Protein backbone atom coordinates (compact mmCIF):
# COMPACT_ATOMS: atom_id res chain seq x y z
CA MET A 1 -0.30 -0.11 -0.01
CA THR A 2 1.03 3.59 -0.94
CA TRP A 3 -0.26 6.70 0.85
CA GLU A 4 0.46 9.88 -0.58
CA ARG A 5 0.05 13.81 -0.06
CA ASN A 6 2.69 15.70 -1.09
CA VAL A 7 4.76 17.54 1.22
CA GLU A 8 6.90 20.71 1.05
CA GLN A 9 9.54 22.24 3.05
CA PRO A 10 8.70 20.42 6.40
CA ASP A 11 8.71 23.43 9.26
CA MET A 12 6.48 20.83 11.33
CA PRO A 13 6.62 23.27 14.46
CA ALA A 14 4.72 20.81 16.34
CA ALA A 15 7.44 18.33 16.15
CA TRP A 16 9.51 20.06 18.32
CA THR A 17 7.39 20.74 21.14
CA ASP A 18 7.99 18.25 23.44
CA PRO A 19 11.43 17.95 25.32
CA ALA A 20 11.29 14.70 26.95
CA ALA A 21 10.49 13.24 24.02
CA TYR A 22 13.59 14.97 22.13
CA GLU A 23 15.84 13.53 25.21
CA THR A 24 15.11 10.45 23.43
CA PHE A 25 15.10 11.36 19.86
CA MET A 26 18.95 13.09 19.64
CA GLY A 27 19.66 14.57 23.35
CA ARG A 28 20.91 11.87 24.56
CA TRP A 29 23.46 12.08 21.36
CA SER A 30 23.64 15.65 21.42
CA THR A 31 25.68 15.28 24.71
CA LEU A 32 28.02 13.48 23.13
CA LEU A 33 28.37 16.21 19.84
CA ALA A 34 28.93 19.09 22.28
CA PRO A 35 31.99 18.66 23.41
CA ARG A 36 33.48 17.59 20.31
CA LEU A 37 31.97 20.70 18.83
CA ILE A 38 33.41 22.83 21.72
CA ALA A 39 37.19 21.30 20.93
CA VAL A 40 37.06 22.04 17.06
CA ALA A 41 35.71 25.90 17.99
CA SER A 42 38.92 25.68 20.28
CA ILE A 43 37.27 26.73 23.12
CA ALA A 44 37.28 24.36 25.19
CA ALA A 45 38.70 25.68 28.65
CA GLY A 46 36.11 28.73 28.41
CA ILE A 47 38.48 31.59 29.08
CA ALA A 48 39.21 34.71 26.63
CA ALA A 49 42.61 34.69 27.47
CA ASP A 50 42.12 31.37 24.50
CA LEU A 51 40.86 34.35 22.30
CA VAL A 52 42.60 37.41 24.05
CA PRO A 53 45.96 37.28 25.40
CA GLY A 54 46.34 38.81 27.77
CA SER A 55 42.38 38.48 29.29
CA ALA A 56 41.66 36.12 32.29
CA ARG A 57 38.00 36.37 32.07
CA ALA A 58 35.30 33.82 31.41
CA SER A 59 34.53 34.30 27.85
CA ARG A 60 30.90 34.92 26.79
CA VAL A 61 29.50 32.42 24.37
CA LEU A 62 25.87 32.59 22.58
CA ASP A 63 24.51 28.86 21.80
CA VAL A 64 22.11 29.77 18.89
CA GLY A 65 19.01 27.59 19.07
CA CYS A 66 19.91 26.01 22.32
CA GLY A 67 16.53 24.06 22.47
CA THR A 68 17.28 21.84 25.89
CA GLY A 69 20.51 23.08 26.91
CA VAL A 70 23.37 20.51 25.53
CA LEU A 71 25.79 22.47 24.80
CA SER A 72 24.90 25.60 26.98
CA ARG A 73 25.45 23.07 29.71
CA ALA A 74 28.63 21.90 28.25
CA LEU A 75 30.26 25.48 27.63
CA ALA A 76 29.17 26.45 31.12
CA ASP A 77 30.94 23.49 32.43
CA ALA A 78 33.64 24.14 30.46
CA GLY A 79 34.15 27.62 32.12
CA ALA A 80 32.21 30.15 30.11
CA GLU A 81 29.88 32.37 30.34
CA VAL A 82 26.67 31.41 28.67
CA VAL A 83 23.10 32.94 27.00
CA GLY A 84 21.14 30.45 25.25
CA ILE A 85 18.85 31.79 22.93
CA ASP A 86 16.15 29.31 21.48
CA ALA A 87 12.16 30.07 19.95
CA SER A 88 10.57 27.19 22.06
CA GLU A 89 9.51 27.46 24.97
CA PRO A 90 8.91 23.84 26.22
CA TYR A 91 12.41 22.96 24.88
CA LEU A 92 13.77 26.28 27.41
CA ASP A 93 11.56 25.46 30.29
CA ALA A 94 13.33 22.02 30.34
CA ALA A 95 16.83 23.30 30.04
CA ARG A 96 16.25 25.74 32.78
CA LEU A 97 15.12 22.36 34.57
CA HIS A 98 17.55 19.78 34.09
CA ARG A 99 20.85 21.54 32.20
CA PHE A 100 20.60 25.07 34.75
CA HIS A 101 23.98 26.01 36.14
CA PRO A 102 24.67 29.71 37.27
CA ASN A 103 26.71 30.81 34.22
CA ILE A 104 24.07 30.66 31.93
CA ALA A 105 21.03 32.39 30.93
CA TYR A 106 18.59 30.69 28.49
CA GLU A 107 16.21 33.14 26.94
CA PHE A 108 13.30 32.77 24.21
CA GLY A 109 14.10 35.01 21.40
CA ASP A 110 14.46 35.05 17.04
CA ILE A 111 17.79 33.76 16.19
CA CYS A 112 17.33 35.56 12.68
CA ARG A 113 16.82 38.67 14.56
CA MET A 114 18.23 38.74 18.11
CA ARG A 115 18.20 41.52 20.62
CA PHE A 116 22.29 41.85 21.36
CA GLU A 117 24.20 44.39 20.43
CA ASP A 118 26.85 44.35 17.97
CA ARG A 119 30.03 42.12 18.83
CA SER A 120 28.89 41.80 22.63
CA PHE A 121 30.05 37.89 22.54
CA ASP A 122 33.66 36.26 21.89
CA ALA A 123 31.75 33.38 20.62
CA ALA A 124 28.51 32.04 19.23
CA VAL A 125 28.05 28.34 18.54
CA SER A 126 25.35 26.32 17.49
CA THR A 127 24.16 22.40 17.11
CA LEU A 128 21.03 20.99 15.03
CA VAL A 129 19.28 23.85 14.31
CA LEU A 130 20.53 26.02 10.73
CA ASP A 131 19.39 23.11 8.72
CA LEU A 132 16.05 23.38 9.93
CA LEU A 133 15.66 27.31 9.21
CA PRO A 134 14.33 27.79 4.98
CA ASP A 135 17.07 30.25 4.59
CA ALA A 136 20.15 29.98 7.19
CA GLU A 137 21.82 32.87 5.98
CA PRO A 138 20.28 35.89 8.29
CA ALA A 139 21.17 33.36 11.46
CA VAL A 140 24.50 33.53 10.52
CA ALA A 141 24.64 36.82 10.00
CA GLU A 142 23.42 37.43 13.38
CA MET A 143 25.98 35.20 14.84
CA ARG A 144 28.38 37.24 12.84
CA ARG A 145 27.09 40.55 14.14
CA VAL A 146 27.11 39.71 17.68
CA THR A 147 30.60 38.01 17.97
CA ARG A 148 33.59 40.27 18.41
CA ALA A 149 36.55 40.74 15.79
CA GLY A 150 38.83 37.67 15.91
CA GLY A 151 35.95 36.04 18.06
CA VAL A 152 35.04 32.21 16.72
CA ILE A 153 31.35 31.20 14.96
CA ALA A 154 31.25 27.35 15.05
CA CYS A 155 28.28 25.03 14.16
CA ALA A 156 27.92 21.32 14.01
CA LEU A 157 24.81 19.59 12.22
CA HIS A 158 24.17 16.38 10.46
CA ASP A 159 25.28 14.76 7.28
CA PHE A 160 22.15 13.60 6.11
CA TRP A 161 24.08 10.85 3.79
CA GLY A 162 25.76 9.28 6.98
CA VAL A 163 22.62 8.95 9.40
CA PRO A 164 21.92 5.17 8.93
CA TYR A 165 19.23 5.18 11.91
CA ALA A 166 17.15 7.82 10.39
CA SER A 167 17.74 6.07 6.96
CA LEU A 168 16.53 2.92 7.74
CA VAL A 169 13.16 4.33 8.00
CA TRP A 170 13.06 7.18 5.82
CA ASP A 171 14.70 4.73 2.91
CA THR A 172 11.47 1.82 4.23
CA GLY A 173 9.04 4.71 4.39
CA ALA A 174 9.73 6.54 1.06
CA VAL A 175 8.46 2.86 -0.33
CA LEU A 176 5.29 3.67 1.18
CA ASP A 177 4.73 6.88 1.23
CA THR A 178 5.53 9.29 -1.01
CA GLY A 179 5.32 12.16 1.63
CA MET A 180 8.56 10.76 3.27
CA ALA A 181 10.19 10.19 -0.04
CA GLU A 182 10.18 13.86 -0.88
CA LEU A 183 11.38 14.53 2.47
CA ARG A 184 13.98 12.21 2.71
CA ASP A 185 14.84 14.05 -0.43
CA PHE A 186 14.64 17.38 0.72
CA MET A 187 16.97 16.80 3.67
CA LYS A 188 19.33 15.04 1.85
CA GLY A 189 19.65 17.54 -1.00
CA ARG A 190 20.45 20.55 0.60
CA PRO A 191 23.87 21.98 0.97
CA LEU A 192 23.99 21.98 4.49
CA SER A 193 23.56 18.24 4.46
CA THR A 194 26.47 18.04 2.92
CA ALA A 195 30.23 17.99 3.01
CA ASN A 196 31.72 21.60 2.98
CA GLY A 197 28.37 22.80 3.01
CA GLN A 198 28.66 25.14 6.01
CA ALA A 199 31.94 26.19 4.86
CA ALA A 200 30.57 27.47 2.27
CA LEU A 201 28.03 29.47 4.51
CA TRP A 202 30.74 30.86 6.59
CA ARG A 203 33.09 32.39 3.50
CA ARG A 204 29.55 33.74 2.33
CA ALA A 205 29.23 35.62 5.91
CA GLY A 206 32.67 37.04 5.30
CA LEU A 207 34.13 34.92 7.75
CA ILE A 208 37.94 33.92 7.70
CA GLU A 209 40.30 30.73 8.44
CA VAL A 210 36.86 28.76 7.66
CA THR A 211 37.50 25.15 8.71
CA GLU A 212 35.10 22.25 8.34
CA VAL A 213 35.73 18.60 9.56
CA PRO A 214 33.60 15.55 9.94
CA VAL A 215 32.35 14.29 13.18
CA VAL A 216 31.23 10.59 14.22
CA VAL A 217 29.06 9.59 17.17
CA ASP A 218 28.52 6.16 17.69
CA CYS A 219 24.28 5.57 19.32
CA ASN A 220 24.00 2.46 20.87
CA TYR A 221 20.67 1.28 21.26
CA THR A 222 19.65 -1.50 23.50
CA SER A 223 16.46 -3.15 21.60
CA PHE A 224 13.97 -2.54 18.54
CA ALA A 225 11.91 -0.83 21.49
CA ASP A 226 14.75 1.70 22.47
CA TYR A 227 15.45 2.58 18.76
CA TRP A 228 12.04 2.76 17.53
CA ALA A 229 11.25 4.73 20.38
CA THR A 230 13.42 7.98 18.40
CA PHE A 231 10.34 7.73 16.20
CA ALA A 232 7.92 7.29 18.19
CA GLY A 233 8.04 10.42 20.47
CA GLY A 234 6.95 12.47 17.18
CA GLN A 235 10.05 14.97 17.39
CA GLY A 236 11.95 16.00 14.27
CA ARG A 237 10.85 16.30 10.51
CA VAL A 238 10.87 12.15 9.88
CA ALA A 239 9.45 11.52 13.39
CA GLY A 240 7.08 14.18 12.45
CA ARG A 241 6.08 12.79 9.29
CA LEU A 242 5.91 9.15 10.29
CA MET A 243 3.11 10.28 13.06
CA GLU A 244 1.27 12.07 10.63
CA LEU A 245 0.33 8.72 8.51
CA PRO A 246 -2.57 5.95 8.99
CA ASP A 247 -2.11 3.35 11.80
CA GLU A 248 -1.96 1.00 8.88
CA VAL A 249 1.15 2.71 7.02
CA ARG A 250 2.88 3.45 10.30
CA GLY A 251 2.62 -0.10 11.39
CA GLU A 252 3.61 -1.55 8.01
CA ILE A 253 6.65 0.52 7.87
CA GLU A 254 7.35 -0.15 11.52
CA ARG A 255 7.55 -3.90 10.62
CA HIS A 256 10.03 -3.76 7.87
CA VAL A 257 11.86 -1.20 9.83
CA ARG A 258 12.19 -4.14 12.67
CA ALA A 259 13.04 -6.50 9.92
CA GLY A 260 16.36 -4.28 9.25
CA TYR A 261 17.10 -3.62 12.10
CA LEU A 262 17.09 -7.55 13.47
CA ALA A 263 18.64 -8.22 10.77
CA GLY A 264 18.10 -12.01 11.07
CA MET A 265 19.65 -11.69 14.47
CA PRO A 266 17.71 -12.14 18.02
CA ASP A 267 16.61 -8.43 19.48
CA GLY A 268 19.24 -6.45 21.13
CA PRO A 269 21.93 -4.21 21.48
CA ARG A 270 22.67 -2.12 18.16
CA CYS A 271 25.36 0.31 16.83
CA PHE A 272 24.60 3.14 14.76
CA PRO A 273 27.33 5.41 13.42
CA MET A 274 26.30 9.02 13.28
CA LEU A 275 27.72 11.12 10.91
CA PHE A 276 28.16 15.35 12.02
CA ARG A 277 30.25 17.83 9.99
CA ALA A 278 31.60 20.88 12.44
CA VAL A 279 32.36 24.39 11.05
CA ARG A 280 34.45 26.67 12.46
CA GLY A 281 35.58 30.56 11.61
CA ILE A 282 36.71 33.13 12.58
CA VAL A 283 34.75 37.11 12.56
CA PRO A 284 37.68 39.57 10.87
CA GLY A 285 39.05 42.01 12.31
């Protein structure tokens, strides 16, 4: 059976409202990604002396699209003073509750039109957000605007050609649902989803000394039920689409995905490597 419905750019705001489901879906893996991005960004010590010789104050870092506070907390634990901004109040509430730190201020705001003064941060960083925007350039321009000369702008996003945990679902779903096929093609076809896509964006924004590197995180699931819970919570574009489907179509996708997860072996732990790409650039003087 095939269920047809045309799907355009899927903003799906309802797919980003449940922080508990997000932790099952991605938070547990972005927790592993955060320190790696901080290392790539070269702000691991969280001290402005790393950026301004002779300075001993804590660096002031903006976390753009902070979500449930994973990266913000990692930055604060490394010694930075952090402001996390996001457009999801439920995610911000969860961040304040579960990732509180005296050196973090979480606030609601539009990352494409931020309230902060020019050059008011030592660094601006982001994870797993910019590829959700119809156009990421205004957000990157804002990140540059609020970061001082010599400061770091860094980001990490999925390389959707290297995410087998999702491919198992969307490649299966694409056979049964034209909307899932269109969503897969949209996500894999965007420049930010491929190698050097972010680096090109950083250079267009006028940043210098731009580098982009692959980062791999191992996603370990205890069972198929643990794996399927990633999507059953409805967080994210693929899961959001999956939850829109009629029960019989979703059930058929689950049956085929389960067979792919098991691969003829008993149910149990599986490890899916997840590929991200991290970019770093410097605001010119």
